[in-house]
PDB file of N, CA and C in Angstrom:
ATOM      1  N   MET A   1     -11.305   3.606  -0.230  1.00  0.00           N
ATOM      2  CA  MET A   1     -10.341   3.478  -1.279  1.00  0.00           C
ATOM      3  C   MET A   1     -10.526   2.113  -1.930  1.00  0.00           C
ATOM      4  N   PHE A   2     -10.512   2.083  -3.241  1.00  0.00           N
ATOM      5  CA  PHE A   2     -10.600   0.830  -3.984  1.00  0.00           C
ATOM      6  C   PHE A   2      -9.274   0.099  -3.902  1.00  0.00           C
ATOM      7  N   ILE A   3      -9.317  -1.158  -3.557  1.00  0.00           N
ATOM      8  CA  ILE A   3      -8.107  -1.972  -3.513  1.00  0.00           C
ATOM      9  C   ILE A   3      -8.314  -3.144  -4.467  1.00  0.00           C
ATOM     10  N   PRO A   4      -7.377  -3.372  -5.407  1.00  0.00           N
ATOM     11  CA  PRO A   4      -7.545  -4.484  -6.339  1.00  0.00           C
ATOM     12  C   PRO A   4      -7.561  -5.826  -5.606  1.00  0.00           C
ATOM     13  N   PRO A   5      -8.337  -6.792  -6.090  1.00  0.00           N
ATOM     14  CA  PRO A   5      -8.388  -8.095  -5.435  1.00  0.00           C
ATOM     15  C   PRO A   5      -7.053  -8.835  -5.577  1.00  0.00           C
ATOM     16  N   PRO A   6      -6.738  -9.708  -4.635  1.00  0.00           N
ATOM     17  CA  PRO A   6      -5.482 -10.451  -4.721  1.00  0.00           C
ATOM     18  C   PRO A   6      -5.483 -11.410  -5.912  1.00  0.00           C
ATOM     19  N   GLY A   7      -4.287 -11.669  -6.429  1.00  0.00           N
ATOM     20  CA  GLY A   7      -4.155 -12.624  -7.522  1.00  0.00           C
ATOM     21  C   GLY A   7      -4.312 -12.021  -8.906  1.00  0.00           C
ATOM     22  N   GLY A   8      -4.426 -10.701  -8.988  1.00  0.00           N
ATOM     23  CA  GLY A   8      -4.592 -10.047 -10.280  1.00  0.00           C
ATOM     24  C   GLY A   8      -3.259  -9.834 -10.981  1.00  0.00           C
ATOM     25  N   PRO A   9      -3.303  -9.295 -12.204  1.00  0.00           N
ATOM     26  CA  PRO A   9      -2.062  -9.027 -12.926  1.00  0.00           C
ATOM     27  C   PRO A   9      -1.204  -7.973 -12.219  1.00  0.00           C
ATOM     28  N   ALA A  10       0.099  -8.089 -12.362  1.00  0.00           N
ATOM     29  CA  ALA A  10       1.033  -7.161 -11.708  1.00  0.00           C
ATOM     30  C   ALA A  10       0.821  -5.726 -12.184  1.00  0.00           C
ATOM     31  N   GLN A  11       0.410  -5.531 -13.430  1.00  0.00           N
ATOM     32  CA  GLN A  11       0.198  -4.185 -13.961  1.00  0.00           C
ATOM     33  C   GLN A  11      -0.911  -3.459 -13.192  1.00  0.00           C
ATOM     34  N   VAL A  12      -1.911  -4.177 -12.751  1.00  0.00           N
ATOM     35  CA  VAL A  12      -3.009  -3.565 -12.002  1.00  0.00           C
ATOM     36  C   VAL A  12      -2.489  -2.994 -10.686  1.00  0.00           C
ATOM     37  N   TYR A  13      -1.648  -3.758  -9.999  1.00  0.00           N
ATOM     38  CA  TYR A  13      -1.102  -3.302  -8.726  1.00  0.00           C
ATOM     39  C   TYR A  13      -0.133  -2.142  -8.917  1.00  0.00           C
ATOM     40  N   GLU A  14       0.688  -2.196  -9.955  1.00  0.00           N
ATOM     41  CA  GLU A  14       1.618  -1.099 -10.232  1.00  0.00           C
ATOM     42  C   GLU A  14       0.867   0.191 -10.519  1.00  0.00           C
ATOM     43  N   ARG A  15      -0.180   0.106 -11.310  1.00  0.00           N
ATOM     44  CA  ARG A  15      -0.986   1.294 -11.642  1.00  0.00           C
ATOM     45  C   ARG A  15      -1.682   1.839 -10.401  1.00  0.00           C
ATOM     46  N   PHE A  16      -2.213   0.945  -9.573  1.00  0.00           N
ATOM     47  CA  PHE A  16      -2.877   1.349  -8.333  1.00  0.00           C
ATOM     48  C   PHE A  16      -1.902   2.096  -7.428  1.00  0.00           C
ATOM     49  N   GLU A  17      -0.666   1.572  -7.288  1.00  0.00           N
ATOM     50  CA  GLU A  17       0.323   2.220  -6.434  1.00  0.00           C
ATOM     51  C   GLU A  17       0.740   3.575  -6.989  1.00  0.00           C
ATOM     52  N   GLU A  18       0.866   3.693  -8.304  1.00  0.00           N
ATOM     53  CA  GLU A  18       1.217   4.978  -8.911  1.00  0.00           C
ATOM     54  C   GLU A  18       0.098   6.001  -8.722  1.00  0.00           C
ATOM     55  N   ASP A  19      -1.135   5.597  -8.977  1.00  0.00           N
ATOM     56  CA  ASP A  19      -2.270   6.515  -8.887  1.00  0.00           C
ATOM     57  C   ASP A  19      -2.531   6.996  -7.461  1.00  0.00           C
ATOM     58  N   ASN A  20      -2.224   6.166  -6.471  1.00  0.00           N
ATOM     59  CA  ASN A  20      -2.536   6.501  -5.078  1.00  0.00           C
ATOM     60  C   ASN A  20      -1.307   6.861  -4.255  1.00  0.00           C
ATOM     61  N   ASN A  21      -0.174   7.129  -4.907  1.00  0.00           N
ATOM     62  CA  ASN A  21       1.069   7.536  -4.222  1.00  0.00           C
ATOM     63  C   ASN A  21       1.468   6.564  -3.125  1.00  0.00           C
ATOM     64  N   ILE A  22       1.446   5.281  -3.443  1.00  0.00           N
ATOM     65  CA  ILE A  22       1.808   4.252  -2.477  1.00  0.00           C
ATOM     66  C   ILE A  22       3.253   3.840  -2.719  1.00  0.00           C
ATOM     67  N   THR A  23       4.002   3.707  -1.636  1.00  0.00           N
ATOM     68  CA  THR A  23       5.398   3.289  -1.723  1.00  0.00           C
ATOM     69  C   THR A  23       5.632   2.156  -0.734  1.00  0.00           C
ATOM     70  N   ARG A  24       6.557   1.280  -1.070  1.00  0.00           N
ATOM     71  CA  ARG A  24       6.884   0.151  -0.193  1.00  0.00           C
ATOM     72  C   ARG A  24       8.227   0.405   0.472  1.00  0.00           C
ATOM     73  N   GLY A  25       8.295   0.131   1.759  1.00  0.00           N
ATOM     74  CA  GLY A  25       9.525   0.298   2.512  1.00  0.00           C
ATOM     75  C   GLY A  25       9.831  -0.962   3.299  1.00  0.00           C
ATOM     76  N   PRO A  26      10.947  -0.974   4.005  1.00  0.00           N
ATOM     77  CA  PRO A  26      11.306  -2.180   4.761  1.00  0.00           C
ATOM     78  C   PRO A  26      10.329  -2.490   5.902  1.00  0.00           C
ATOM     79  N   GLU A  27       9.635  -1.477   6.417  1.00  0.00           N
ATOM     80  CA  GLU A  27       8.700  -1.701   7.519  1.00  0.00           C
ATOM     81  C   GLU A  27       7.285  -1.993   7.053  1.00  0.00           C
ATOM     82  N   GLY A  28       6.978  -1.715   5.772  1.00  0.00           N
ATOM     83  CA  GLY A  28       5.621  -1.946   5.294  1.00  0.00           C
ATOM     84  C   GLY A  28       5.291  -1.100   4.081  1.00  0.00           C
ATOM     85  N   ILE A  29       4.012  -0.829   3.916  1.00  0.00           N
ATOM     86  CA  ILE A  29       3.518  -0.071   2.769  1.00  0.00           C
ATOM     87  C   ILE A  29       3.017   1.271   3.287  1.00  0.00           C
ATOM     88  N   TYR A  30       3.404   2.355   2.598  1.00  0.00           N
ATOM     89  CA  TYR A  30       3.045   3.703   3.030  1.00  0.00           C
ATOM     90  C   TYR A  30       2.403   4.469   1.890  1.00  0.00           C
ATOM     91  N   MET A  31       1.599   5.451   2.247  1.00  0.00           N
ATOM     92  CA  MET A  31       0.993   6.356   1.276  1.00  0.00           C
ATOM     93  C   MET A  31       1.712   7.696   1.388  1.00  0.00           C
ATOM     94  N   ARG A  32       2.342   8.138   0.296  1.00  0.00           N
ATOM     95  CA  ARG A  32       3.054   9.415   0.294  1.00  0.00           C
ATOM     96  C   ARG A  32       2.049  10.559   0.366  1.00  0.00           C
ATOM     97  N   PRO A  33       2.402  11.636   1.056  1.00  0.00           N
ATOM     98  CA  PRO A  33       1.492  12.788   1.111  1.00  0.00           C
ATOM     99  C   PRO A  33       1.395  13.445  -0.265  1.00  0.00           C
ATOM    100  N   PRO A  34       0.260  14.070  -0.556  1.00  0.00           N
ATOM    101  CA  PRO A  34       0.113  14.746  -1.845  1.00  0.00           C
ATOM    102  C   PRO A  34       1.069  15.926  -1.971  1.00  0.00           C
ATOM    103  N   GLU A  35       1.393  16.283  -3.201  1.00  0.00           N
ATOM    104  CA  GLU A  35       2.301  17.401  -3.442  1.00  0.00           C
ATOM    105  C   GLU A  35       1.610  18.745  -3.250  1.00  0.00           C
ATOM    106  N   ARG A  36       0.289  18.768  -3.380  1.00  0.00           N
ATOM    107  CA  ARG A  36      -0.478  20.010  -3.193  1.00  0.00           C
ATOM    108  C   ARG A  36      -1.061  20.053  -1.789  1.00  0.00           C
ATOM    109  N   PRO A  37      -1.439  21.226  -1.308  1.00  0.00           N
ATOM    110  CA  PRO A  37      -2.072  21.318   0.007  1.00  0.00           C
ATOM    111  C   PRO A  37      -3.422  20.588   0.015  1.00  0.00           C
ATOM    112  N   GLY A  38      -3.807  20.113   1.162  1.00  0.00           N
ATOM    113  CA  GLY A  38      -5.098  19.454   1.304  1.00  0.00           C
ATOM    114  C   GLY A  38      -4.947  17.960   1.493  1.00  0.00           C
ATOM    115  N   PHE A  39      -6.078  17.264   1.383  1.00  0.00           N
ATOM    116  CA  PHE A  39      -6.097  15.832   1.630  1.00  0.00           C
ATOM    117  C   PHE A  39      -6.053  15.001   0.349  1.00  0.00           C
ATOM    118  N   GLY A  40      -5.874  15.645  -0.788  1.00  0.00           N
ATOM    119  CA  GLY A  40      -5.811  14.911  -2.043  1.00  0.00           C
ATOM    120  C   GLY A  40      -7.157  14.716  -2.714  1.00  0.00           C
ATOM    121  N   TRP A  41      -8.202  15.276  -2.145  1.00  0.00           N
ATOM    122  CA  TRP A  41      -9.536  15.179  -2.740  1.00  0.00           C
ATOM    123  C   TRP A  41      -9.758  16.391  -3.628  1.00  0.00           C
ATOM    124  N   GLN A  42     -10.345  16.172  -4.757  1.00  0.00           N
ATOM    125  CA  GLN A  42     -10.638  17.275  -5.666  1.00  0.00           C
ATOM    126  C   GLN A  42     -12.142  17.288  -5.929  1.00  0.00           C
ATOM    127  N   LEU A  43     -12.777  18.383  -5.599  1.00  0.00           N
ATOM    128  CA  LEU A  43     -14.217  18.526  -5.787  1.00  0.00           C
ATOM    129  C   LEU A  43     -14.470  19.039  -7.202  1.00  0.00           C
ATOM    130  N   ILE A  44     -15.254  18.286  -7.956  1.00  0.00           N
ATOM    131  CA  ILE A  44     -15.602  18.682  -9.318  1.00  0.00           C
ATOM    132  C   ILE A  44     -17.089  19.026  -9.346  1.00  0.00           C
ATOM    133  N   VAL A  45     -17.401  20.262  -9.613  1.00  0.00           N
ATOM    134  CA  VAL A  45     -18.788  20.721  -9.661  1.00  0.00           C
ATOM    135  C   VAL A  45     -19.186  20.879 -11.121  1.00  0.00           C
ATOM    136  N   GLU A  46     -20.235  20.194 -11.494  1.00  0.00           N
ATOM    137  CA  GLU A  46     -20.698  20.277 -12.886  1.00  0.00           C
ATOM    138  C   GLU A  46     -22.021  20.995 -12.983  1.00  0.00           C
TER     139      GLU A  46
END
């Protein structure tokens, strides 16, 4: 998983958290499960 480097603009981190279903809680940072079945990977065959 790509993680933005520290010290970047706040918008980069907000977008990263939205795109990867990341949420912050009192105990730490968690990744929400996808809404669809599976592991969240989508195979694109061209």
